[in-house]
Amino acid sequence: MDESRIFWICILVGGLGVVSLGGIIFFGTYLFRQSALRFWKEHPFWMDMLHFWEKTGIRPNIPRYLSDSFAEFLQRRNEFWTTYGQVLISALIIIILSILMLTKTITAEAGLPILSGISGFAIAKGVAGGRTGGGPDREQGG
């Protein structure tokens, strides 16, 4: 291929990469914003507590419940942003390596193992992040 075709292919790959990253960023911030608002406004715990207080007139240990629910919310938020950041960085590196391989700055022998390593790392982190338990041996104390 001549240099003008390679240039336009690199521009196309870069443009698609920027659009993809923009979509990931928009989706992540929209998803998190909606879940955070819904947690505080419409969480069934708060509605159940209001009905309980109205029926019995007893006020349970409110600060402890608020502290526990807020700690869980922060933990889930941190897990979300950690995974989200890893996906963004992986996508950015894949786009940059693809452009470098198209311009023949790096060869396929050097670029493909890097791409497969980054893809494997992103997939492994996503799968490991979904598991919270230690398996049947840890649950039984063995």
N, C-alpha and C. Protein backbone atom coordinates (compact mmCIF):
# COMPACT_ATOMS: atom_id res chain seq x y z
N MET A 1 0.84 -1.19 0.00
CA MET A 1 0.00 0.00 0.00
C MET A 1 0.88 1.25 0.00
N ASP A 2 0.33 2.27 -0.58
CA ASP A 2 1.09 3.52 -0.58
C ASP A 2 0.84 4.28 0.72
N GLU A 3 1.63 5.31 0.91
CA GLU A 3 1.61 6.02 2.20
C GLU A 3 0.31 6.78 2.44
N SER A 4 -0.34 7.26 1.40
CA SER A 4 -1.58 8.01 1.61
C SER A 4 -2.70 7.09 2.11
N ARG A 5 -2.77 5.85 1.61
CA ARG A 5 -3.77 4.90 2.10
C ARG A 5 -3.50 4.53 3.56
N ILE A 6 -2.26 4.30 3.90
CA ILE A 6 -1.91 3.96 5.28
C ILE A 6 -2.27 5.14 6.20
N PHE A 7 -2.00 6.34 5.73
CA PHE A 7 -2.35 7.53 6.53
C PHE A 7 -3.85 7.58 6.81
N TRP A 8 -4.67 7.39 5.78
CA TRP A 8 -6.12 7.48 5.96
C TRP A 8 -6.67 6.31 6.78
N ILE A 9 -6.05 5.15 6.65
CA ILE A 9 -6.45 4.02 7.50
C ILE A 9 -6.13 4.32 8.95
N CYS A 10 -4.97 4.92 9.21
CA CYS A 10 -4.61 5.29 10.59
C CYS A 10 -5.55 6.36 11.14
N ILE A 11 -5.93 7.32 10.30
CA ILE A 11 -6.89 8.34 10.72
C ILE A 11 -8.24 7.68 11.04
N LEU A 12 -8.66 6.73 10.21
CA LEU A 12 -9.92 6.02 10.45
C LEU A 12 -9.87 5.22 11.75
N VAL A 13 -8.79 4.48 11.96
CA VAL A 13 -8.64 3.69 13.19
C VAL A 13 -8.59 4.62 14.41
N GLY A 14 -7.85 5.72 14.31
CA GLY A 14 -7.79 6.67 15.41
C GLY A 14 -9.14 7.30 15.70
N GLY A 15 -9.87 7.67 14.64
CA GLY A 15 -11.20 8.25 14.83
C GLY A 15 -12.17 7.27 15.46
N LEU A 16 -12.16 6.03 14.98
CA LEU A 16 -13.02 5.01 15.58
C LEU A 16 -12.62 4.75 17.03
N GLY A 17 -11.33 4.80 17.30
CA GLY A 17 -10.86 4.62 18.68
C GLY A 17 -11.32 5.73 19.60
N VAL A 18 -11.24 6.97 19.12
CA VAL A 18 -11.68 8.11 19.93
C VAL A 18 -13.19 8.03 20.16
N VAL A 19 -13.95 7.65 19.13
CA VAL A 19 -15.40 7.51 19.28
C VAL A 19 -15.71 6.38 20.28
N SER A 20 -14.98 5.28 20.19
CA SER A 20 -15.19 4.16 21.12
C SER A 20 -14.88 4.57 22.55
N LEU A 21 -13.75 5.24 22.75
CA LEU A 21 -13.40 5.70 24.09
C LEU A 21 -14.42 6.71 24.61
N GLY A 22 -14.89 7.59 23.76
CA GLY A 22 -15.92 8.55 24.16
C GLY A 22 -17.21 7.85 24.56
N GLY A 23 -17.58 6.81 23.81
CA GLY A 23 -18.77 6.04 24.15
C GLY A 23 -18.62 5.31 25.48
N ILE A 24 -17.45 4.75 25.72
CA ILE A 24 -17.20 4.06 26.99
C ILE A 24 -17.26 5.05 28.15
N ILE A 25 -16.66 6.21 27.96
CA ILE A 25 -16.67 7.23 29.02
C ILE A 25 -18.09 7.71 29.28
N PHE A 26 -18.85 8.00 28.22
CA PHE A 26 -20.23 8.45 28.40
C PHE A 26 -21.07 7.38 29.08
N PHE A 27 -20.94 6.14 28.62
CA PHE A 27 -21.72 5.04 29.20
C PHE A 27 -21.38 4.85 30.68
N GLY A 28 -20.11 4.88 31.02
CA GLY A 28 -19.70 4.67 32.41
C GLY A 28 -20.18 5.77 33.34
N THR A 29 -20.02 7.01 32.92
CA THR A 29 -20.46 8.10 33.78
C THR A 29 -21.98 8.14 33.89
N TYR A 30 -22.69 7.86 32.79
CA TYR A 30 -24.16 7.83 32.83
C TYR A 30 -24.64 6.70 33.73
N LEU A 31 -24.05 5.53 33.57
CA LEU A 31 -24.46 4.37 34.37
C LEU A 31 -24.21 4.61 35.85
N PHE A 32 -23.05 5.13 36.18
CA PHE A 32 -22.74 5.35 37.59
C PHE A 32 -23.61 6.46 38.18
N ARG A 33 -23.81 7.51 37.44
CA ARG A 33 -24.63 8.62 37.94
C ARG A 33 -26.05 8.14 38.22
N GLN A 34 -26.61 7.35 37.32
CA GLN A 34 -27.97 6.85 37.52
C GLN A 34 -28.06 5.90 38.70
N SER A 35 -27.06 5.02 38.85
CA SER A 35 -27.11 4.08 39.97
C SER A 35 -26.91 4.79 41.30
N ALA A 36 -26.08 5.82 41.33
CA ALA A 36 -25.86 6.55 42.58
C ALA A 36 -27.11 7.31 42.99
N LEU A 37 -27.77 7.94 42.04
CA LEU A 37 -29.00 8.66 42.37
C LEU A 37 -30.10 7.70 42.82
N ARG A 38 -30.20 6.57 42.13
CA ARG A 38 -31.23 5.60 42.46
C ARG A 38 -30.97 4.99 43.83
N PHE A 39 -29.71 4.80 44.20
CA PHE A 39 -29.39 4.21 45.50
C PHE A 39 -29.92 5.08 46.62
N TRP A 40 -29.68 6.37 46.53
CA TRP A 40 -30.06 7.25 47.63
C TRP A 40 -31.54 7.60 47.62
N LYS A 41 -32.17 7.63 46.46
CA LYS A 41 -33.56 8.07 46.39
C LYS A 41 -34.57 6.93 46.47
N GLU A 42 -34.27 5.82 45.78
CA GLU A 42 -35.28 4.79 45.63
C GLU A 42 -34.89 3.45 46.24
N HIS A 43 -33.89 3.40 47.05
CA HIS A 43 -33.46 2.13 47.62
C HIS A 43 -34.55 1.59 48.53
N PRO A 44 -34.91 0.31 48.40
CA PRO A 44 -36.02 -0.22 49.22
C PRO A 44 -35.74 -0.18 50.72
N PHE A 45 -34.49 -0.16 51.11
CA PHE A 45 -34.16 -0.10 52.54
C PHE A 45 -34.75 1.15 53.17
N TRP A 46 -34.60 2.28 52.48
CA TRP A 46 -35.08 3.54 53.05
C TRP A 46 -36.62 3.55 53.15
N MET A 47 -37.28 2.99 52.13
CA MET A 47 -38.74 2.95 52.17
C MET A 47 -39.22 2.01 53.28
N ASP A 48 -38.56 0.87 53.43
CA ASP A 48 -38.94 -0.07 54.49
C ASP A 48 -38.73 0.55 55.87
N MET A 49 -37.66 1.28 56.03
CA MET A 49 -37.40 1.91 57.33
C MET A 49 -38.44 2.99 57.63
N LEU A 50 -38.84 3.74 56.62
CA LEU A 50 -39.87 4.75 56.84
C LEU A 50 -41.19 4.11 57.27
N HIS A 51 -41.57 3.02 56.61
CA HIS A 51 -42.81 2.33 56.99
C HIS A 51 -42.70 1.73 58.39
N PHE A 52 -41.53 1.20 58.72
CA PHE A 52 -41.32 0.62 60.06
C PHE A 52 -41.45 1.70 61.14
N TRP A 53 -40.84 2.85 60.89
CA TRP A 53 -40.90 3.93 61.87
C TRP A 53 -42.33 4.45 62.05
N GLU A 54 -43.06 4.54 60.92
CA GLU A 54 -44.43 5.03 61.00
C GLU A 54 -45.34 4.06 61.78
N LYS A 55 -45.14 2.75 61.58
CA LYS A 55 -45.99 1.77 62.24
C LYS A 55 -45.67 1.61 63.72
N THR A 56 -44.41 1.54 64.06
CA THR A 56 -44.03 1.22 65.44
C THR A 56 -43.67 2.44 66.27
N GLY A 57 -43.20 3.46 65.64
CA GLY A 57 -42.75 4.63 66.39
C GLY A 57 -41.37 4.42 67.01
N ILE A 58 -40.75 3.28 66.76
CA ILE A 58 -39.42 2.97 67.31
C ILE A 58 -38.37 3.39 66.30
N ARG A 59 -37.33 4.05 66.77
CA ARG A 59 -36.22 4.45 65.92
C ARG A 59 -35.04 3.52 66.17
N PRO A 60 -34.68 2.67 65.19
CA PRO A 60 -33.53 1.78 65.38
C PRO A 60 -32.22 2.57 65.29
N ASN A 61 -31.15 1.86 65.32
CA ASN A 61 -29.83 2.47 65.30
C ASN A 61 -29.54 3.06 63.92
N ILE A 62 -30.05 4.23 63.66
CA ILE A 62 -29.98 4.85 62.34
C ILE A 62 -28.54 5.15 61.90
N PRO A 63 -27.69 5.69 62.74
CA PRO A 63 -26.32 5.98 62.27
C PRO A 63 -25.57 4.72 61.81
N ARG A 64 -25.79 3.61 62.48
CA ARG A 64 -25.12 2.38 62.07
C ARG A 64 -25.61 1.93 60.70
N TYR A 65 -26.91 1.98 60.46
CA TYR A 65 -27.46 1.59 59.16
C TYR A 65 -26.97 2.51 58.06
N LEU A 66 -26.96 3.78 58.33
CA LEU A 66 -26.47 4.74 57.33
C LEU A 66 -24.99 4.52 57.04
N SER A 67 -24.22 4.27 58.07
CA SER A 67 -22.79 4.04 57.89
C SER A 67 -22.53 2.77 57.09
N ASP A 68 -23.25 1.69 57.40
CA ASP A 68 -23.06 0.44 56.67
C ASP A 68 -23.47 0.56 55.21
N SER A 69 -24.60 1.20 54.96
CA SER A 69 -25.05 1.33 53.57
C SER A 69 -24.12 2.25 52.78
N PHE A 70 -23.64 3.31 53.41
CA PHE A 70 -22.73 4.21 52.71
C PHE A 70 -21.37 3.55 52.46
N ALA A 71 -20.90 2.73 53.40
CA ALA A 71 -19.63 2.01 53.19
C ALA A 71 -19.76 1.02 52.04
N GLU A 72 -20.89 0.33 51.95
CA GLU A 72 -21.10 -0.59 50.84
C GLU A 72 -21.16 0.16 49.52
N PHE A 73 -21.85 1.30 49.53
CA PHE A 73 -21.92 2.12 48.33
C PHE A 73 -20.54 2.56 47.87
N LEU A 74 -19.70 3.01 48.80
CA LEU A 74 -18.34 3.44 48.44
C LEU A 74 -17.49 2.29 47.94
N GLN A 75 -17.64 1.12 48.53
CA GLN A 75 -16.88 -0.05 48.08
C GLN A 75 -17.26 -0.41 46.64
N ARG A 76 -18.54 -0.43 46.36
CA ARG A 76 -18.98 -0.75 45.00
C ARG A 76 -18.55 0.33 44.02
N ARG A 77 -18.57 1.58 44.45
CA ARG A 77 -18.13 2.67 43.58
C ARG A 77 -16.65 2.51 43.24
N ASN A 78 -15.83 2.18 44.22
CA ASN A 78 -14.40 2.00 43.98
C ASN A 78 -14.13 0.82 43.05
N GLU A 79 -14.85 -0.28 43.23
CA GLU A 79 -14.70 -1.42 42.33
C GLU A 79 -15.09 -1.04 40.90
N PHE A 80 -16.17 -0.31 40.77
CA PHE A 80 -16.63 0.12 39.45
C PHE A 80 -15.57 0.97 38.76
N TRP A 81 -15.06 2.00 39.45
CA TRP A 81 -14.11 2.90 38.80
C TRP A 81 -12.77 2.23 38.54
N THR A 82 -12.38 1.27 39.36
CA THR A 82 -11.13 0.53 39.10
C THR A 82 -11.26 -0.28 37.82
N THR A 83 -12.33 -1.03 37.70
CA THR A 83 -12.54 -1.84 36.49
C THR A 83 -12.73 -0.94 35.28
N TYR A 84 -13.45 0.13 35.45
CA TYR A 84 -13.69 1.08 34.37
C TYR A 84 -12.38 1.68 33.86
N GLY A 85 -11.51 2.08 34.77
CA GLY A 85 -10.22 2.64 34.38
C GLY A 85 -9.35 1.63 33.66
N GLN A 86 -9.37 0.38 34.11
CA GLN A 86 -8.59 -0.66 33.44
C GLN A 86 -9.09 -0.90 32.02
N VAL A 87 -10.40 -0.86 31.82
CA VAL A 87 -10.95 -1.04 30.48
C VAL A 87 -10.54 0.12 29.58
N LEU A 88 -10.60 1.35 30.09
CA LEU A 88 -10.21 2.51 29.29
C LEU A 88 -8.74 2.46 28.90
N ILE A 89 -7.89 2.14 29.85
CA ILE A 89 -6.46 2.08 29.56
C ILE A 89 -6.15 0.97 28.57
N SER A 90 -6.80 -0.18 28.73
CA SER A 90 -6.59 -1.29 27.80
C SER A 90 -7.03 -0.90 26.39
N ALA A 91 -8.19 -0.26 26.27
CA ALA A 91 -8.68 0.15 24.95
C ALA A 91 -7.74 1.18 24.32
N LEU A 92 -7.25 2.11 25.11
CA LEU A 92 -6.32 3.12 24.59
C LEU A 92 -5.02 2.49 24.10
N ILE A 93 -4.48 1.57 24.84
CA ILE A 93 -3.24 0.90 24.43
C ILE A 93 -3.46 0.07 23.17
N ILE A 94 -4.60 -0.59 23.07
CA ILE A 94 -4.89 -1.39 21.87
C ILE A 94 -5.00 -0.47 20.65
N ILE A 95 -5.63 0.68 20.79
CA ILE A 95 -5.75 1.62 19.67
C ILE A 95 -4.37 2.13 19.25
N ILE A 96 -3.56 2.51 20.21
CA ILE A 96 -2.22 3.02 19.89
C ILE A 96 -1.36 1.95 19.23
N LEU A 97 -1.39 0.73 19.76
CA LEU A 97 -0.60 -0.35 19.15
C LEU A 97 -1.10 -0.69 17.75
N SER A 98 -2.39 -0.63 17.53
CA SER A 98 -2.92 -0.89 16.19
C SER A 98 -2.42 0.14 15.20
N ILE A 99 -2.42 1.40 15.60
CA ILE A 99 -1.91 2.45 14.70
C ILE A 99 -0.42 2.28 14.46
N LEU A 100 0.33 1.93 15.50
CA LEU A 100 1.77 1.72 15.32
C LEU A 100 2.06 0.52 14.42
N MET A 101 1.22 -0.50 14.50
CA MET A 101 1.41 -1.66 13.62
C MET A 101 1.01 -1.32 12.18
N LEU A 102 0.00 -0.50 12.00
CA LEU A 102 -0.39 -0.10 10.64
C LEU A 102 0.68 0.74 9.97
N THR A 103 1.32 1.61 10.72
CA THR A 103 2.37 2.45 10.15
C THR A 103 3.71 1.72 10.08
N LYS A 104 3.72 0.48 10.52
CA LYS A 104 4.93 -0.37 10.52
C LYS A 104 6.05 0.21 11.37
N THR A 105 5.65 0.95 12.40
CA THR A 105 6.63 1.43 13.38
C THR A 105 7.10 0.26 14.23
N ILE A 106 6.16 -0.62 14.58
CA ILE A 106 6.53 -1.88 15.23
C ILE A 106 6.02 -3.02 14.36
N THR A 107 6.70 -4.12 14.42
CA THR A 107 6.34 -5.26 13.58
C THR A 107 5.26 -6.08 14.26
N ALA A 108 4.67 -6.97 13.49
CA ALA A 108 3.62 -7.85 14.02
C ALA A 108 4.19 -8.80 15.07
N GLU A 109 5.47 -9.17 14.92
CA GLU A 109 6.09 -10.07 15.90
C GLU A 109 6.20 -9.41 17.27
N ALA A 110 6.30 -8.10 17.30
CA ALA A 110 6.38 -7.39 18.58
C ALA A 110 5.00 -6.92 19.05
N GLY A 111 4.14 -6.52 18.13
CA GLY A 111 2.86 -5.94 18.51
C GLY A 111 1.80 -6.93 18.91
N LEU A 112 1.73 -8.07 18.21
CA LEU A 112 0.67 -9.03 18.51
C LEU A 112 0.79 -9.65 19.90
N PRO A 113 1.99 -10.02 20.37
CA PRO A 113 2.06 -10.52 21.75
C PRO A 113 1.66 -9.46 22.79
N ILE A 114 1.98 -8.22 22.52
CA ILE A 114 1.58 -7.16 23.44
C ILE A 114 0.06 -7.02 23.45
N LEU A 115 -0.54 -7.03 22.25
CA LEU A 115 -2.00 -6.94 22.16
C LEU A 115 -2.69 -8.11 22.86
N SER A 116 -2.18 -9.32 22.65
CA SER A 116 -2.80 -10.47 23.31
C SER A 116 -2.60 -10.43 24.82
N GLY A 117 -1.45 -9.94 25.26
CA GLY A 117 -1.23 -9.82 26.71
C GLY A 117 -2.16 -8.81 27.35
N ILE A 118 -2.35 -7.67 26.69
CA ILE A 118 -3.26 -6.64 27.23
C ILE A 118 -4.69 -7.15 27.23
N SER A 119 -5.10 -7.81 26.14
CA SER A 119 -6.46 -8.34 26.07
C SER A 119 -6.68 -9.41 27.14
N GLY A 120 -5.70 -10.29 27.31
CA GLY A 120 -5.81 -11.32 28.34
C GLY A 120 -5.87 -10.73 29.73
N PHE A 121 -5.08 -9.70 29.98
CA PHE A 121 -5.10 -9.03 31.29
C PHE A 121 -6.46 -8.41 31.56
N ALA A 122 -7.02 -7.74 30.55
CA ALA A 122 -8.33 -7.08 30.73
C ALA A 122 -9.42 -8.11 30.98
N ILE A 123 -9.38 -9.22 30.25
CA ILE A 123 -10.39 -10.26 30.43
C ILE A 123 -10.22 -10.92 31.79
N ALA A 124 -9.00 -11.21 32.19
CA ALA A 124 -8.76 -11.87 33.47
C ALA A 124 -9.17 -10.98 34.63
N LYS A 125 -8.90 -9.69 34.55
CA LYS A 125 -9.32 -8.78 35.63
C LYS A 125 -10.84 -8.70 35.70
N GLY A 126 -11.51 -8.73 34.56
CA GLY A 126 -12.96 -8.69 34.56
C GLY A 126 -13.57 -9.94 35.16
N VAL A 127 -13.01 -11.10 34.86
CA VAL A 127 -13.52 -12.36 35.40
C VAL A 127 -13.21 -12.46 36.88
N ALA A 128 -12.00 -12.10 37.29
CA ALA A 128 -11.62 -12.19 38.70
C ALA A 128 -12.38 -11.16 39.53
N GLY A 129 -12.73 -10.02 38.96
CA GLY A 129 -13.46 -9.00 39.70
C GLY A 129 -14.88 -9.40 40.02
N GLY A 130 -15.45 -10.33 39.23
CA GLY A 130 -16.81 -10.77 39.46
C GLY A 130 -16.93 -11.80 40.56
N ARG A 131 -15.85 -12.39 40.96
CA ARG A 131 -15.88 -13.42 41.99
C ARG A 131 -15.54 -12.81 43.34
N THR A 132 -16.38 -13.09 44.32
CA THR A 132 -16.13 -12.54 45.64
C THR A 132 -15.78 -13.61 46.64
N GLY A 133 -16.28 -14.81 46.45
CA GLY A 133 -16.03 -15.89 47.40
C GLY A 133 -14.72 -16.58 47.13
N GLY A 134 -14.23 -17.28 48.13
CA GLY A 134 -12.97 -17.97 47.98
C GLY A 134 -13.13 -19.41 47.55
N GLY A 135 -14.35 -19.88 47.30
CA GLY A 135 -14.55 -21.25 46.89
C GLY A 135 -15.06 -22.08 48.05
N PRO A 136 -15.36 -23.36 47.78
CA PRO A 136 -15.93 -24.19 48.84
C PRO A 136 -14.97 -24.51 49.97
N ASP A 137 -13.66 -24.56 49.68
CA ASP A 137 -12.70 -24.88 50.75
C ASP A 137 -12.64 -23.77 51.79
N ARG A 138 -12.66 -22.54 51.36
CA ARG A 138 -12.56 -21.41 52.30
C ARG A 138 -13.83 -21.22 53.10
N GLU A 139 -14.96 -21.55 52.50
CA GLU A 139 -16.21 -21.38 53.21
C GLU A 139 -16.33 -22.38 54.36
N GLN A 140 -15.74 -23.56 54.22
CA GLN A 140 -15.82 -24.58 55.27
C GLN A 140 -14.69 -24.49 56.26
N GLY A 141 -13.80 -23.56 56.04
CA GLY A 141 -12.69 -23.36 56.99
C GLY A 141 -11.50 -24.24 56.69
N GLY A 142 -11.46 -24.91 55.53
CA GLY A 142 -10.37 -25.83 55.21
C GLY A 142 -9.39 -25.26 54.37
